[in-house]
Amino acid sequence: MNKVVNGADEAVRDINDGATLMLGGFGLCGLPENCIAALVRKGAKDLTCISNNAGVDDFGIGLMLKQRQVKKMISSYVGENAEFERQLLSGELEVELIPQGTLATRCMASGYGMPAIFTPAGIGTEVAIGKEVRNFNGKDYLMEMAFEADFAIVKAWKGDTMGNLVYKATARNFNAVMAMAGKVTIAEVEELVQPGELDPDHIHTPGIYVHRIFQGKDYEKRIEQRTVRKK
């Protein structure tokens, strides 16, 4: 099976209106920049995006929000995006805010083939409204459903043509759990190598989870907030 595609536009070719997407990254770290740009060019609309955050106004998912491509955001933190705030408060955007650990574990459950998880996070808050609560050993837990994503779009440091992926440092974040969870997983990498060139002990995502892979280009790798020590 040939998993290598000729760039981001080919990788997202069948992401159409109404699709549910997982997008890796944390803040502005480890974002699939090339695929997001391709989705903006493609113009697919009414998308449901599952992502830890929504980028910023002119970068990441913020570019898709600006084009009104996103119908619903499922996220943990969205505080750096003024356009997101505007769409939320005006009722243009449906938003489901989820505790960060719950978001990660629901992604993991999807990859493991589990239909649901139980977590104490959110008990007694708005997060619990409308959800089933079960008691185990005297403690209440929310039942949270695994995600059902049509596509998972991730970014890795290195990958081989069989789809094996290696993430670099904190860019691993949500990319690894999301790579397992999509019906179709698309990976963009900074460096694409031949099978056997990656140390098997260093592989974070086995190629069996990846359906399409390509070598990206022109990564900005922005820093969300640069903090330096006074001299």
C-alpha atoms as a PDB file:
ATOM      1  CA  MET A   1       0.000   0.000   0.000  1.00  0.00           C
ATOM      2  CA  ASN A   2       1.473   3.333  -1.089  1.00  0.00           C
ATOM      3  CA  LYS A   3       0.813   5.875   1.656  1.00  0.00           C
ATOM      4  CA  VAL A   4       2.878   8.741   0.242  1.00  0.00           C
ATOM      5  CA  VAL A   5       0.867  11.545  -1.345  1.00  0.00           C
ATOM      6  CA  ASN A   6       2.061  14.551  -3.279  1.00  0.00           C
ATOM      7  CA  GLY A   7       1.532  17.308  -0.748  1.00  0.00           C
ATOM      8  CA  ALA A   8      -1.189  18.688   1.457  1.00  0.00           C
ATOM      9  CA  ASP A   9      -3.780  19.394  -1.228  1.00  0.00           C
ATOM     10  CA  GLU A  10      -3.814  15.757  -2.292  1.00  0.00           C
ATOM     11  CA  ALA A  11      -3.823  14.598   1.333  1.00  0.00           C
ATOM     12  CA  VAL A  12      -7.057  16.486   2.146  1.00  0.00           C
ATOM     13  CA  ARG A  13      -8.685  15.900  -1.239  1.00  0.00           C
ATOM     14  CA  ASP A  14     -11.720  14.040   0.128  1.00  0.00           C
ATOM     15  CA  ILE A  15     -12.346  16.141   3.234  1.00  0.00           C
ATOM     16  CA  ASN A  16     -15.719  17.533   2.280  1.00  0.00           C
ATOM     17  CA  ASP A  17     -18.386  19.696   3.875  1.00  0.00           C
ATOM     18  CA  GLY A  18     -19.672  18.365   7.201  1.00  0.00           C
ATOM     19  CA  ALA A  19     -16.638  16.227   8.052  1.00  0.00           C
ATOM     20  CA  THR A  20     -15.407  15.715  11.621  1.00  0.00           C
ATOM     21  CA  LEU A  21     -11.678  16.344  12.000  1.00  0.00           C
ATOM     22  CA  MET A  22      -9.132  15.808  14.734  1.00  0.00           C
ATOM     23  CA  LEU A  23      -6.257  18.274  14.476  1.00  0.00           C
ATOM     24  CA  GLY A  24      -3.083  17.700  16.468  1.00  0.00           C
ATOM     25  CA  GLY A  25      -1.121  20.368  18.260  1.00  0.00           C
ATOM     26  CA  PHE A  26      -1.036  22.230  21.553  1.00  0.00           C
ATOM     27  CA  GLY A  27      -1.152  25.998  21.477  1.00  0.00           C
ATOM     28  CA  LEU A  28       0.847  26.698  18.338  1.00  0.00           C
ATOM     29  CA  CYS A  29       3.204  23.756  18.871  1.00  0.00           C
ATOM     30  CA  GLY A  30       3.069  20.770  16.539  1.00  0.00           C
ATOM     31  CA  LEU A  31       0.290  22.068  14.287  1.00  0.00           C
ATOM     32  CA  PRO A  32      -0.311  20.434  10.885  1.00  0.00           C
ATOM     33  CA  GLU A  33       0.294  23.791   9.200  1.00  0.00           C
ATOM     34  CA  ASN A  34       0.356  22.528   5.623  1.00  0.00           C
ATOM     35  CA  CYS A  35      -2.916  20.597   5.895  1.00  0.00           C
ATOM     36  CA  ILE A  36      -4.696  23.513   7.563  1.00  0.00           C
ATOM     37  CA  ALA A  37      -3.566  25.789   4.717  1.00  0.00           C
ATOM     38  CA  ALA A  38      -4.815  23.218   2.205  1.00  0.00           C
ATOM     39  CA  LEU A  39      -8.194  23.039   3.941  1.00  0.00           C
ATOM     40  CA  VAL A  40      -8.469  26.829   3.727  1.00  0.00           C
ATOM     41  CA  ARG A  41      -7.729  26.632  -0.006  1.00  0.00           C
ATOM     42  CA  LYS A  42     -10.212  23.795  -0.457  1.00  0.00           C
ATOM     43  CA  GLY A  43     -12.940  25.741   1.347  1.00  0.00           C
ATOM     44  CA  ALA A  44     -14.723  22.790   2.974  1.00  0.00           C
ATOM     45  CA  LYS A  45     -17.414  24.099   5.345  1.00  0.00           C
ATOM     46  CA  ASP A  46     -19.598  22.984   8.269  1.00  0.00           C
ATOM     47  CA  LEU A  47     -16.632  21.189   9.780  1.00  0.00           C
ATOM     48  CA  THR A  48     -16.514  19.849  13.318  1.00  0.00           C
ATOM     49  CA  CYS A  49     -12.975  20.304  14.652  1.00  0.00           C
ATOM     50  CA  ILE A  50     -11.632  18.392  17.645  1.00  0.00           C
ATOM     51  CA  SER A  51      -8.504  20.136  18.877  1.00  0.00           C
ATOM     52  CA  ASN A  52      -6.992  21.150  22.188  1.00  0.00           C
ATOM     53  CA  ASN A  53      -7.263  24.781  21.139  1.00  0.00           C
ATOM     54  CA  ALA A  54      -8.322  26.918  18.198  1.00  0.00           C
ATOM     55  CA  GLY A  55      -5.039  28.529  17.202  1.00  0.00           C
ATOM     56  CA  VAL A  56      -4.848  32.315  17.031  1.00  0.00           C
ATOM     57  CA  ASP A  57      -6.584  34.733  14.707  1.00  0.00           C
ATOM     58  CA  ASP A  58      -4.113  34.432  11.826  1.00  0.00           C
ATOM     59  CA  PHE A  59      -2.627  30.992  12.370  1.00  0.00           C
ATOM     60  CA  GLY A  60      -3.717  27.392  12.830  1.00  0.00           C
ATOM     61  CA  ILE A  61      -7.438  26.675  13.064  1.00  0.00           C
ATOM     62  CA  GLY A  62      -7.909  30.426  13.429  1.00  0.00           C
ATOM     63  CA  LEU A  63      -7.486  30.634   9.639  1.00  0.00           C
ATOM     64  CA  MET A  64     -10.401  28.235   9.159  1.00  0.00           C
ATOM     65  CA  LEU A  65     -12.536  30.150  11.646  1.00  0.00           C
ATOM     66  CA  LYS A  66     -11.816  33.343   9.750  1.00  0.00           C
ATOM     67  CA  GLN A  67     -13.147  31.709   6.567  1.00  0.00           C
ATOM     68  CA  ARG A  68     -16.296  30.485   8.436  1.00  0.00           C
ATOM     69  CA  GLN A  69     -15.394  26.869   7.681  1.00  0.00           C
ATOM     70  CA  VAL A  70     -15.949  25.559  11.222  1.00  0.00           C
ATOM     71  CA  LYS A  71     -19.451  24.760  12.459  1.00  0.00           C
ATOM     72  CA  LYS A  72     -18.420  23.295  15.823  1.00  0.00           C
ATOM     73  CA  MET A  73     -15.276  23.342  17.962  1.00  0.00           C
ATOM     74  CA  ILE A  74     -14.605  20.634  20.546  1.00  0.00           C
ATOM     75  CA  SER A  75     -11.702  21.977  22.608  1.00  0.00           C
ATOM     76  CA  SER A  76     -10.157  22.562  26.013  1.00  0.00           C
ATOM     77  CA  TYR A  77      -8.704  26.052  25.684  1.00  0.00           C
ATOM     78  CA  VAL A  78      -9.540  28.811  23.237  1.00  0.00           C
ATOM     79  CA  GLY A  79      -8.474  31.960  25.067  1.00  0.00           C
ATOM     80  CA  GLU A  80      -5.982  33.333  22.510  1.00  0.00           C
ATOM     81  CA  ASN A  81      -8.406  33.697  19.601  1.00  0.00           C
ATOM     82  CA  ALA A  82     -10.479  36.887  19.376  1.00  0.00           C
ATOM     83  CA  GLU A  83     -12.398  35.725  16.293  1.00  0.00           C
ATOM     84  CA  PHE A  84     -13.329  32.512  18.098  1.00  0.00           C
ATOM     85  CA  GLU A  85     -14.658  34.588  20.993  1.00  0.00           C
ATOM     86  CA  ARG A  86     -16.661  36.783  18.646  1.00  0.00           C
ATOM     87  CA  GLN A  87     -18.258  33.822  16.840  1.00  0.00           C
ATOM     88  CA  LEU A  88     -19.017  32.088  20.138  1.00  0.00           C
ATOM     89  CA  LEU A  89     -20.702  35.116  21.729  1.00  0.00           C
ATOM     90  CA  SER A  90     -22.674  35.908  18.572  1.00  0.00           C
ATOM     91  CA  GLY A  91     -23.985  32.344  18.286  1.00  0.00           C
ATOM     92  CA  GLU A  92     -22.240  31.697  14.969  1.00  0.00           C
ATOM     93  CA  LEU A  93     -20.129  28.861  16.365  1.00  0.00           C
ATOM     94  CA  GLU A  94     -21.158  25.821  18.391  1.00  0.00           C
ATOM     95  CA  VAL A  95     -18.627  25.075  21.121  1.00  0.00           C
ATOM     96  CA  GLU A  96     -18.111  22.091  23.427  1.00  0.00           C
ATOM     97  CA  LEU A  97     -15.488  22.783  26.080  1.00  0.00           C
ATOM     98  CA  ILE A  98     -13.942  19.670  27.610  1.00  0.00           C
ATOM     99  CA  PRO A  99     -11.401  19.203  30.424  1.00  0.00           C
ATOM    100  CA  GLN A 100      -8.028  18.625  28.821  1.00  0.00           C
ATOM    101  CA  GLY A 101      -7.488  15.190  30.321  1.00  0.00           C
ATOM    102  CA  THR A 102     -10.951  14.115  29.209  1.00  0.00           C
ATOM    103  CA  LEU A 103     -10.248  15.323  25.674  1.00  0.00           C
ATOM    104  CA  ALA A 104      -7.021  13.323  25.514  1.00  0.00           C
ATOM    105  CA  THR A 105      -8.616  10.204  26.989  1.00  0.00           C
ATOM    106  CA  ARG A 106     -11.592  10.329  24.621  1.00  0.00           C
ATOM    107  CA  CYS A 107      -9.095  10.459  21.744  1.00  0.00           C
ATOM    108  CA  MET A 108      -7.225   7.520  23.239  1.00  0.00           C
ATOM    109  CA  ALA A 109     -10.457   5.558  23.673  1.00  0.00           C
ATOM    110  CA  SER A 110     -11.201   6.044  19.970  1.00  0.00           C
ATOM    111  CA  GLY A 111      -7.803   4.624  19.088  1.00  0.00           C
ATOM    112  CA  TYR A 112      -8.240   1.682  21.451  1.00  0.00           C
ATOM    113  CA  GLY A 113     -11.683   0.832  20.074  1.00  0.00           C
ATOM    114  CA  MET A 114     -13.406   1.630  23.385  1.00  0.00           C
ATOM    115  CA  PRO A 115     -16.905   3.170  23.114  1.00  0.00           C
ATOM    116  CA  ALA A 116     -16.688   5.234  26.310  1.00  0.00           C
ATOM    117  CA  ILE A 117     -14.654   6.136  29.374  1.00  0.00           C
ATOM    118  CA  PHE A 118     -15.539   7.026  32.966  1.00  0.00           C
ATOM    119  CA  THR A 119     -13.927  10.033  34.614  1.00  0.00           C
ATOM    120  CA  PRO A 120     -14.516  12.104  37.768  1.00  0.00           C
ATOM    121  CA  ALA A 121     -13.558  15.283  35.890  1.00  0.00           C
ATOM    122  CA  GLY A 122     -16.566  17.559  35.503  1.00  0.00           C
ATOM    123  CA  ILE A 123     -18.782  16.045  38.191  1.00  0.00           C
ATOM    124  CA  GLY A 124     -20.919  18.793  39.729  1.00  0.00           C
ATOM    125  CA  THR A 125     -20.206  21.269  36.902  1.00  0.00           C
ATOM    126  CA  GLU A 126     -21.809  22.281  33.606  1.00  0.00           C
ATOM    127  CA  VAL A 127     -19.660  19.636  31.934  1.00  0.00           C
ATOM    128  CA  ALA A 128     -21.900  16.966  33.480  1.00  0.00           C
ATOM    129  CA  ILE A 129     -25.213  18.328  32.169  1.00  0.00           C
ATOM    130  CA  GLY A 130     -27.060  15.679  30.169  1.00  0.00           C
ATOM    131  CA  LYS A 131     -24.443  12.980  30.730  1.00  0.00           C
ATOM    132  CA  GLU A 132     -24.779   9.648  32.478  1.00  0.00           C
ATOM    133  CA  VAL A 133     -23.251   9.414  35.954  1.00  0.00           C
ATOM    134  CA  ARG A 134     -22.262   6.109  37.537  1.00  0.00           C
ATOM    135  CA  ASN A 135     -20.990   5.405  41.011  1.00  0.00           C
ATOM    136  CA  PHE A 136     -17.979   3.176  41.545  1.00  0.00           C
ATOM    137  CA  ASN A 137     -16.847   2.401  45.095  1.00  0.00           C
ATOM    138  CA  GLY A 138     -18.723   5.395  46.462  1.00  0.00           C
ATOM    139  CA  LYS A 139     -17.433   7.919  43.922  1.00  0.00           C
ATOM    140  CA  ASP A 140     -19.341   9.441  40.982  1.00  0.00           C
ATOM    141  CA  TYR A 141     -17.963   9.302  37.455  1.00  0.00           C
ATOM    142  CA  LEU A 142     -19.144  10.802  34.180  1.00  0.00           C
ATOM    143  CA  MET A 143     -19.518   8.573  31.178  1.00  0.00           C
ATOM    144  CA  GLU A 144     -17.818  10.295  28.251  1.00  0.00           C
ATOM    145  CA  MET A 145     -18.121   8.883  24.739  1.00  0.00           C
ATOM    146  CA  ALA A 146     -15.165   8.158  22.494  1.00  0.00           C
ATOM    147  CA  PHE A 147     -14.881  10.490  19.521  1.00  0.00           C
ATOM    148  CA  GLU A 148     -15.888   9.462  16.029  1.00  0.00           C
ATOM    149  CA  ALA A 149     -13.642  11.413  13.681  1.00  0.00           C
ATOM    150  CA  ASP A 150     -13.668  11.003   9.911  1.00  0.00           C
ATOM    151  CA  PHE A 151     -10.082  12.245   9.690  1.00  0.00           C
ATOM    152  CA  ALA A 152      -7.177  12.754  12.082  1.00  0.00           C
ATOM    153  CA  ILE A 153      -4.615  15.266  10.841  1.00  0.00           C
ATOM    154  CA  VAL A 154      -1.267  15.256  12.625  1.00  0.00           C
ATOM    155  CA  LYS A 155       2.224  16.668  12.270  1.00  0.00           C
ATOM    156  CA  ALA A 156       5.433  14.785  13.091  1.00  0.00           C
ATOM    157  CA  TRP A 157       9.136  15.547  13.000  1.00  0.00           C
ATOM    158  CA  LYS A 158      10.136  12.483  10.993  1.00  0.00           C
ATOM    159  CA  GLY A 159       8.220   9.742   9.260  1.00  0.00           C
ATOM    160  CA  ASP A 160       8.937   6.959   6.829  1.00  0.00           C
ATOM    161  CA  THR A 161       7.028   5.960   3.720  1.00  0.00           C
ATOM    162  CA  MET A 162       5.243   3.209   5.677  1.00  0.00           C
ATOM    163  CA  GLY A 163       3.733   5.832   7.994  1.00  0.00           C
ATOM    164  CA  ASN A 164       5.845   5.305  11.120  1.00  0.00           C
ATOM    165  CA  LEU A 165       6.114   8.625  12.964  1.00  0.00           C
ATOM    166  CA  VAL A 166       8.514  10.278  15.396  1.00  0.00           C
ATOM    167  CA  TYR A 167       7.493  13.486  17.174  1.00  0.00           C
ATOM    168  CA  LYS A 168       9.986  15.969  18.544  1.00  0.00           C
ATOM    169  CA  ALA A 169       9.774  17.069  22.193  1.00  0.00           C
ATOM    170  CA  THR A 170       6.538  18.862  23.134  1.00  0.00           C
ATOM    171  CA  ALA A 171       5.221  18.676  19.552  1.00  0.00           C
ATOM    172  CA  ARG A 172       4.211  15.129  20.474  1.00  0.00           C
ATOM    173  CA  ASN A 173       1.285  16.511  22.563  1.00  0.00           C
ATOM    174  CA  PHE A 174      -2.102  15.553  21.060  1.00  0.00           C
ATOM    175  CA  ASN A 175      -0.625  14.308  17.792  1.00  0.00           C
ATOM    176  CA  ALA A 176       0.137  10.824  19.098  1.00  0.00           C
ATOM    177  CA  VAL A 177      -3.301  10.036  20.578  1.00  0.00           C
ATOM    178  CA  MET A 178      -5.133  11.565  17.623  1.00  0.00           C
ATOM    179  CA  ALA A 179      -3.081   9.625  15.078  1.00  0.00           C
ATOM    180  CA  MET A 180      -4.614   6.424  16.455  1.00  0.00           C
ATOM    181  CA  ALA A 181      -8.175   7.695  16.404  1.00  0.00           C
ATOM    182  CA  GLY A 182      -9.223   8.827  12.934  1.00  0.00           C
ATOM    183  CA  LYS A 183     -10.967   6.646  10.375  1.00  0.00           C
ATOM    184  CA  VAL A 184      -8.373   8.123   8.015  1.00  0.00           C
ATOM    185  CA  THR A 185      -5.145   9.509   9.480  1.00  0.00           C
ATOM    186  CA  ILE A 186      -3.131  12.051   7.518  1.00  0.00           C
ATOM    187  CA  ALA A 187       0.415  12.824   8.648  1.00  0.00           C
ATOM    188  CA  GLU A 188       2.630  15.650   7.482  1.00  0.00           C
ATOM    189  CA  VAL A 189       6.289  15.422   8.445  1.00  0.00           C
ATOM    190  CA  GLU A 190       9.318  17.664   8.353  1.00  0.00           C
ATOM    191  CA  GLU A 191      11.495  14.846   7.040  1.00  0.00           C
ATOM    192  CA  LEU A 192      10.312  11.815   5.079  1.00  0.00           C
ATOM    193  CA  VAL A 193      12.689   8.848   5.027  1.00  0.00           C
ATOM    194  CA  GLN A 194      12.776   5.300   3.731  1.00  0.00           C
ATOM    195  CA  PRO A 195      11.733   2.242   5.807  1.00  0.00           C
ATOM    196  CA  GLY A 196      14.512   1.135   8.114  1.00  0.00           C
ATOM    197  CA  GLU A 197      15.985   4.601   8.619  1.00  0.00           C
ATOM    198  CA  LEU A 198      14.042   5.228  11.836  1.00  0.00           C
ATOM    199  CA  ASP A 199      15.167   3.522  15.034  1.00  0.00           C
ATOM    200  CA  PRO A 200      12.275   1.178  15.943  1.00  0.00           C
ATOM    201  CA  ASP A 201      12.719   2.085  19.614  1.00  0.00           C
ATOM    202  CA  HIS A 202      12.106   5.762  18.821  1.00  0.00           C
ATOM    203  CA  ILE A 203       8.857   5.382  16.872  1.00  0.00           C
ATOM    204  CA  HIS A 204       5.892   6.983  18.647  1.00  0.00           C
ATOM    205  CA  THR A 205       3.116   6.152  16.145  1.00  0.00           C
ATOM    206  CA  PRO A 206       3.319   2.828  14.284  1.00  0.00           C
ATOM    207  CA  GLY A 207       2.581   3.063  10.584  1.00  0.00           C
ATOM    208  CA  ILE A 208      -0.484   0.827  10.857  1.00  0.00           C
ATOM    209  CA  TYR A 209      -2.424   3.870  12.091  1.00  0.00           C
ATOM    210  CA  VAL A 210      -1.387   6.174   9.223  1.00  0.00           C
ATOM    211  CA  HIS A 211      -3.120   6.155   5.844  1.00  0.00           C
ATOM    212  CA  ARG A 212      -1.476   9.129   4.079  1.00  0.00           C
ATOM    213  CA  ILE A 213       1.866  10.815   4.609  1.00  0.00           C
ATOM    214  CA  PHE A 214       3.808  13.592   2.915  1.00  0.00           C
ATOM    215  CA  GLN A 215       6.782  15.835   3.548  1.00  0.00           C
ATOM    216  CA  GLY A 216       5.643  19.319   4.488  1.00  0.00           C
ATOM    217  CA  LYS A 217       7.401  22.598   3.833  1.00  0.00           C
ATOM    218  CA  ASP A 218       7.750  26.202   4.971  1.00  0.00           C
ATOM    219  CA  TYR A 219       6.903  25.577   8.631  1.00  0.00           C
ATOM    220  CA  GLU A 220       6.612  28.760  10.682  1.00  0.00           C
ATOM    221  CA  LYS A 221       6.674  26.979  14.058  1.00  0.00           C
ATOM    222  CA  ARG A 222       5.350  30.042  15.844  1.00  0.00           C
ATOM    223  CA  ILE A 223       5.706  30.599  19.566  1.00  0.00           C
ATOM    224  CA  GLU A 224       2.432  31.621  21.161  1.00  0.00           C
ATOM    225  CA  GLN A 225       3.899  33.790  23.903  1.00  0.00           C
ATOM    226  CA  ARG A 226       7.626  34.352  24.075  1.00  0.00           C
ATOM    227  CA  THR A 227       8.815  34.937  27.638  1.00  0.00           C
ATOM    228  CA  VAL A 228      12.407  35.827  28.378  1.00  0.00           C
ATOM    229  CA  ARG A 229      14.276  36.508  31.577  1.00  0.00           C
ATOM    230  CA  LYS A 230      15.297  40.062  32.341  1.00  0.00           C
ATOM    231  CA  LYS A 231      19.024  40.666  32.101  1.00  0.00           C
END
